N, C-alpha and C. Protein backbone atom coordinates (compact mmCIF):
# COMPACT_ATOMS: atom_id res chain seq x y z
N MET A 1 -21.87 -21.19 16.40
CA MET A 1 -23.29 -20.08 16.02
C MET A 1 -22.94 -19.77 14.11
N ALA A 2 -23.90 -19.50 13.69
CA ALA A 2 -24.31 -18.83 12.26
C ALA A 2 -23.95 -17.31 12.39
N ASP A 3 -23.24 -16.62 11.37
CA ASP A 3 -22.96 -14.93 10.96
C ASP A 3 -24.72 -14.99 10.50
N PRO A 4 -25.34 -14.06 11.22
CA PRO A 4 -26.38 -13.10 10.93
C PRO A 4 -26.78 -12.98 9.44
N ASP A 5 -25.60 -12.36 8.66
CA ASP A 5 -25.61 -11.49 7.23
C ASP A 5 -25.44 -13.03 6.02
N ALA A 6 -25.06 -14.10 7.10
CA ALA A 6 -25.00 -15.45 6.07
C ALA A 6 -25.79 -15.76 5.09
N ARG A 7 -25.82 -15.94 3.83
CA ARG A 7 -26.85 -16.29 3.02
C ARG A 7 -26.41 -17.74 1.86
N LEU A 8 -27.84 -18.76 2.24
CA LEU A 8 -27.57 -19.88 1.19
C LEU A 8 -26.86 -19.57 0.10
N SER A 9 -25.53 -20.26 -0.37
CA SER A 9 -24.84 -20.92 -1.45
C SER A 9 -24.67 -21.86 -1.98
N VAL A 10 -24.72 -21.98 -3.47
CA VAL A 10 -24.14 -22.98 -4.14
C VAL A 10 -22.48 -22.98 -4.91
N LYS A 11 -21.69 -23.48 -4.85
CA LYS A 11 -21.01 -23.38 -5.88
C LYS A 11 -20.58 -23.72 -6.44
N ALA A 12 -21.11 -25.54 -7.21
CA ALA A 12 -21.26 -25.83 -8.23
C ALA A 12 -22.50 -26.78 -8.05
N ARG A 13 -23.01 -26.87 -9.69
CA ARG A 13 -24.24 -27.82 -9.73
C ARG A 13 -24.12 -29.12 -8.85
N GLY A 14 -25.19 -29.38 -8.24
CA GLY A 14 -25.38 -30.60 -7.25
C GLY A 14 -24.55 -30.91 -6.14
N GLU A 15 -24.04 -29.70 -5.71
CA GLU A 15 -23.77 -29.49 -4.20
C GLU A 15 -24.75 -28.65 -3.16
N ALA A 16 -24.78 -29.35 -2.14
CA ALA A 16 -25.45 -28.85 -1.12
C ALA A 16 -25.48 -27.31 -0.81
N ALA A 17 -26.39 -26.46 -0.90
CA ALA A 17 -26.35 -25.25 -0.20
C ALA A 17 -25.53 -25.40 1.10
N ARG A 18 -25.19 -24.30 1.55
CA ARG A 18 -24.64 -23.47 3.08
C ARG A 18 -24.79 -22.34 2.93
N LEU A 19 -24.81 -22.32 4.58
CA LEU A 19 -24.33 -20.88 4.61
C LEU A 19 -23.56 -20.26 4.75
N ALA A 20 -23.13 -18.57 4.05
CA ALA A 20 -21.77 -17.95 3.23
C ALA A 20 -22.03 -16.89 2.94
N SER A 21 -20.66 -15.85 3.55
CA SER A 21 -20.33 -15.05 2.94
C SER A 21 -19.18 -15.24 1.44
N LEU A 22 -19.45 -14.36 1.08
CA LEU A 22 -18.29 -14.62 -0.41
C LEU A 22 -16.94 -13.32 -0.20
N GLY A 23 -16.08 -13.69 -0.20
CA GLY A 23 -14.71 -12.96 -0.45
C GLY A 23 -13.93 -12.89 -1.54
N HIS A 24 -13.90 -12.00 -1.94
CA HIS A 24 -13.31 -11.59 -3.03
C HIS A 24 -11.92 -10.78 -2.85
N VAL A 25 -10.86 -11.54 -3.47
CA VAL A 25 -9.22 -11.25 -3.07
C VAL A 25 -8.78 -10.75 -4.85
N PRO A 26 -8.87 -9.82 -4.99
CA PRO A 26 -8.29 -9.46 -6.40
C PRO A 26 -6.40 -9.38 -6.29
N LEU A 27 -5.67 -10.41 -7.36
CA LEU A 27 -4.64 -10.52 -7.19
C LEU A 27 -3.67 -9.76 -8.25
N ASP A 28 -2.63 -9.06 -7.82
CA ASP A 28 -2.06 -8.57 -9.47
C ASP A 28 -0.93 -9.30 -9.88
N ASN A 29 -1.42 -8.86 -11.19
CA ASN A 29 -1.23 -10.21 -12.08
C ASN A 29 0.35 -10.50 -12.38
N ARG A 30 1.35 -9.78 -11.99
CA ARG A 30 2.96 -9.64 -12.22
C ARG A 30 3.16 -10.00 -10.80
N HIS A 31 3.13 -10.14 -9.81
CA HIS A 31 3.85 -10.39 -8.69
C HIS A 31 2.61 -11.56 -7.69
N GLY A 32 1.42 -11.63 -8.16
CA GLY A 32 0.85 -12.03 -7.75
C GLY A 32 0.19 -11.50 -6.18
N LEU A 33 0.46 -10.46 -5.85
CA LEU A 33 0.48 -9.62 -4.44
C LEU A 33 -1.25 -9.28 -4.49
N ILE A 34 -1.83 -9.57 -3.14
CA ILE A 34 -3.17 -8.88 -3.17
C ILE A 34 -3.40 -7.44 -3.44
N ALA A 35 -4.16 -7.38 -4.65
CA ALA A 35 -4.43 -6.01 -4.52
C ALA A 35 -5.64 -5.11 -3.86
N GLY A 36 -6.36 -6.24 -2.95
CA GLY A 36 -7.50 -5.82 -2.31
C GLY A 36 -8.25 -6.71 -1.30
N GLU A 37 -9.55 -6.53 -0.68
CA GLU A 37 -10.10 -7.94 -0.06
C GLU A 37 -11.29 -6.86 -0.06
N GLN A 38 -12.68 -7.69 -0.14
CA GLN A 38 -13.75 -7.29 -0.05
C GLN A 38 -14.58 -8.70 0.12
N VAL A 39 -15.57 -8.55 1.50
CA VAL A 39 -16.34 -9.87 1.55
C VAL A 39 -17.88 -9.23 1.28
N THR A 40 -18.94 -10.03 0.88
CA THR A 40 -20.22 -9.81 0.54
C THR A 40 -21.12 -10.60 0.86
N THR A 41 -22.38 -10.42 0.72
CA THR A 41 -23.43 -11.22 1.04
C THR A 41 -23.66 -12.33 -0.53
N ALA A 42 -24.03 -13.27 -0.11
CA ALA A 42 -23.99 -14.39 -1.07
C ALA A 42 -25.38 -14.37 -1.90
N ASP A 43 -25.14 -13.51 -2.95
CA ASP A 43 -26.34 -13.79 -4.03
C ASP A 43 -25.98 -13.66 -5.61
N ASP A 44 -26.86 -13.75 -6.39
CA ASP A 44 -26.41 -14.01 -7.50
C ASP A 44 -25.60 -12.78 -8.33
N THR A 45 -25.90 -11.84 -7.75
CA THR A 45 -24.89 -11.03 -8.57
C THR A 45 -23.63 -10.63 -7.91
N ALA A 46 -23.29 -10.98 -6.51
CA ALA A 46 -21.93 -10.74 -5.71
C ALA A 46 -20.77 -10.46 -6.37
N ASP A 47 -20.55 -11.30 -7.38
CA ASP A 47 -18.96 -11.26 -8.18
C ASP A 47 -18.81 -10.13 -8.97
N VAL A 48 -20.36 -10.09 -9.77
CA VAL A 48 -20.22 -8.62 -10.63
C VAL A 48 -20.19 -7.72 -9.94
N ASP A 49 -20.78 -7.44 -9.01
CA ASP A 49 -21.04 -6.12 -8.35
C ASP A 49 -19.66 -5.89 -7.57
N ALA A 50 -18.99 -6.67 -6.72
CA ALA A 50 -17.62 -6.44 -6.49
C ALA A 50 -16.70 -6.17 -7.17
N ALA A 51 -17.00 -7.04 -8.83
CA ALA A 51 -15.84 -6.37 -9.70
C ALA A 51 -15.96 -4.93 -10.24
N ALA A 52 -17.21 -4.93 -10.13
CA ALA A 52 -17.47 -3.40 -11.03
C ALA A 52 -17.24 -2.36 -9.89
N GLN A 53 -17.39 -2.55 -8.58
CA GLN A 53 -17.10 -1.61 -7.27
C GLN A 53 -15.77 -1.82 -7.43
N ARG A 54 -14.46 -2.69 -7.74
CA ARG A 54 -13.07 -2.58 -7.62
C ARG A 54 -12.72 -1.85 -8.79
N VAL A 55 -13.09 -1.82 -10.05
CA VAL A 55 -13.10 -1.42 -11.38
C VAL A 55 -13.03 0.35 -10.81
N ASP A 56 -14.22 0.55 -10.27
CA ASP A 56 -14.58 2.31 -9.90
C ASP A 56 -13.66 2.43 -9.12
N ASP A 57 -13.51 1.69 -7.92
CA ASP A 57 -12.43 2.18 -7.34
C ASP A 57 -10.85 2.46 -7.78
N LEU A 58 -11.03 2.23 -8.80
CA LEU A 58 -9.73 2.09 -9.21
C LEU A 58 -9.05 2.97 -10.23
N GLY A 59 -10.29 3.45 -10.54
CA GLY A 59 -10.76 5.08 -11.40
C GLY A 59 -11.09 4.61 -12.80
N GLY A 60 -11.71 3.45 -13.36
CA GLY A 60 -11.42 2.77 -14.31
C GLY A 60 -13.10 3.27 -14.55
N THR A 61 -13.69 2.55 -15.43
CA THR A 61 -14.90 2.36 -15.96
C THR A 61 -15.66 1.13 -15.57
N SER A 62 -16.63 1.20 -15.86
CA SER A 62 -17.56 -0.34 -15.69
C SER A 62 -18.82 -0.39 -16.31
N ALA A 63 -19.13 -1.82 -17.21
CA ALA A 63 -20.02 -1.65 -17.74
C ALA A 63 -21.64 -1.90 -17.00
N SER A 64 -21.35 -1.95 -15.63
CA SER A 64 -22.93 -2.19 -15.00
C SER A 64 -23.24 -0.87 -14.35
N PRO A 65 -24.26 -0.63 -14.42
CA PRO A 65 -25.13 0.75 -14.24
C PRO A 65 -24.80 1.15 -12.92
């Protein structure tokens, strides 16, 4: 059974599109520990939107509107 929120996603050129959600797991640079996690729908701006939200959550500033 497929997830009703999944969308077609292509990871690389020449690959077939498949139903997917995107998982974002930022790591701590020094120790390699997981600093958070987020699952988003697969679309054109999911990676950028997740990164901007993570920066905002950490109290920084992001370039996204």
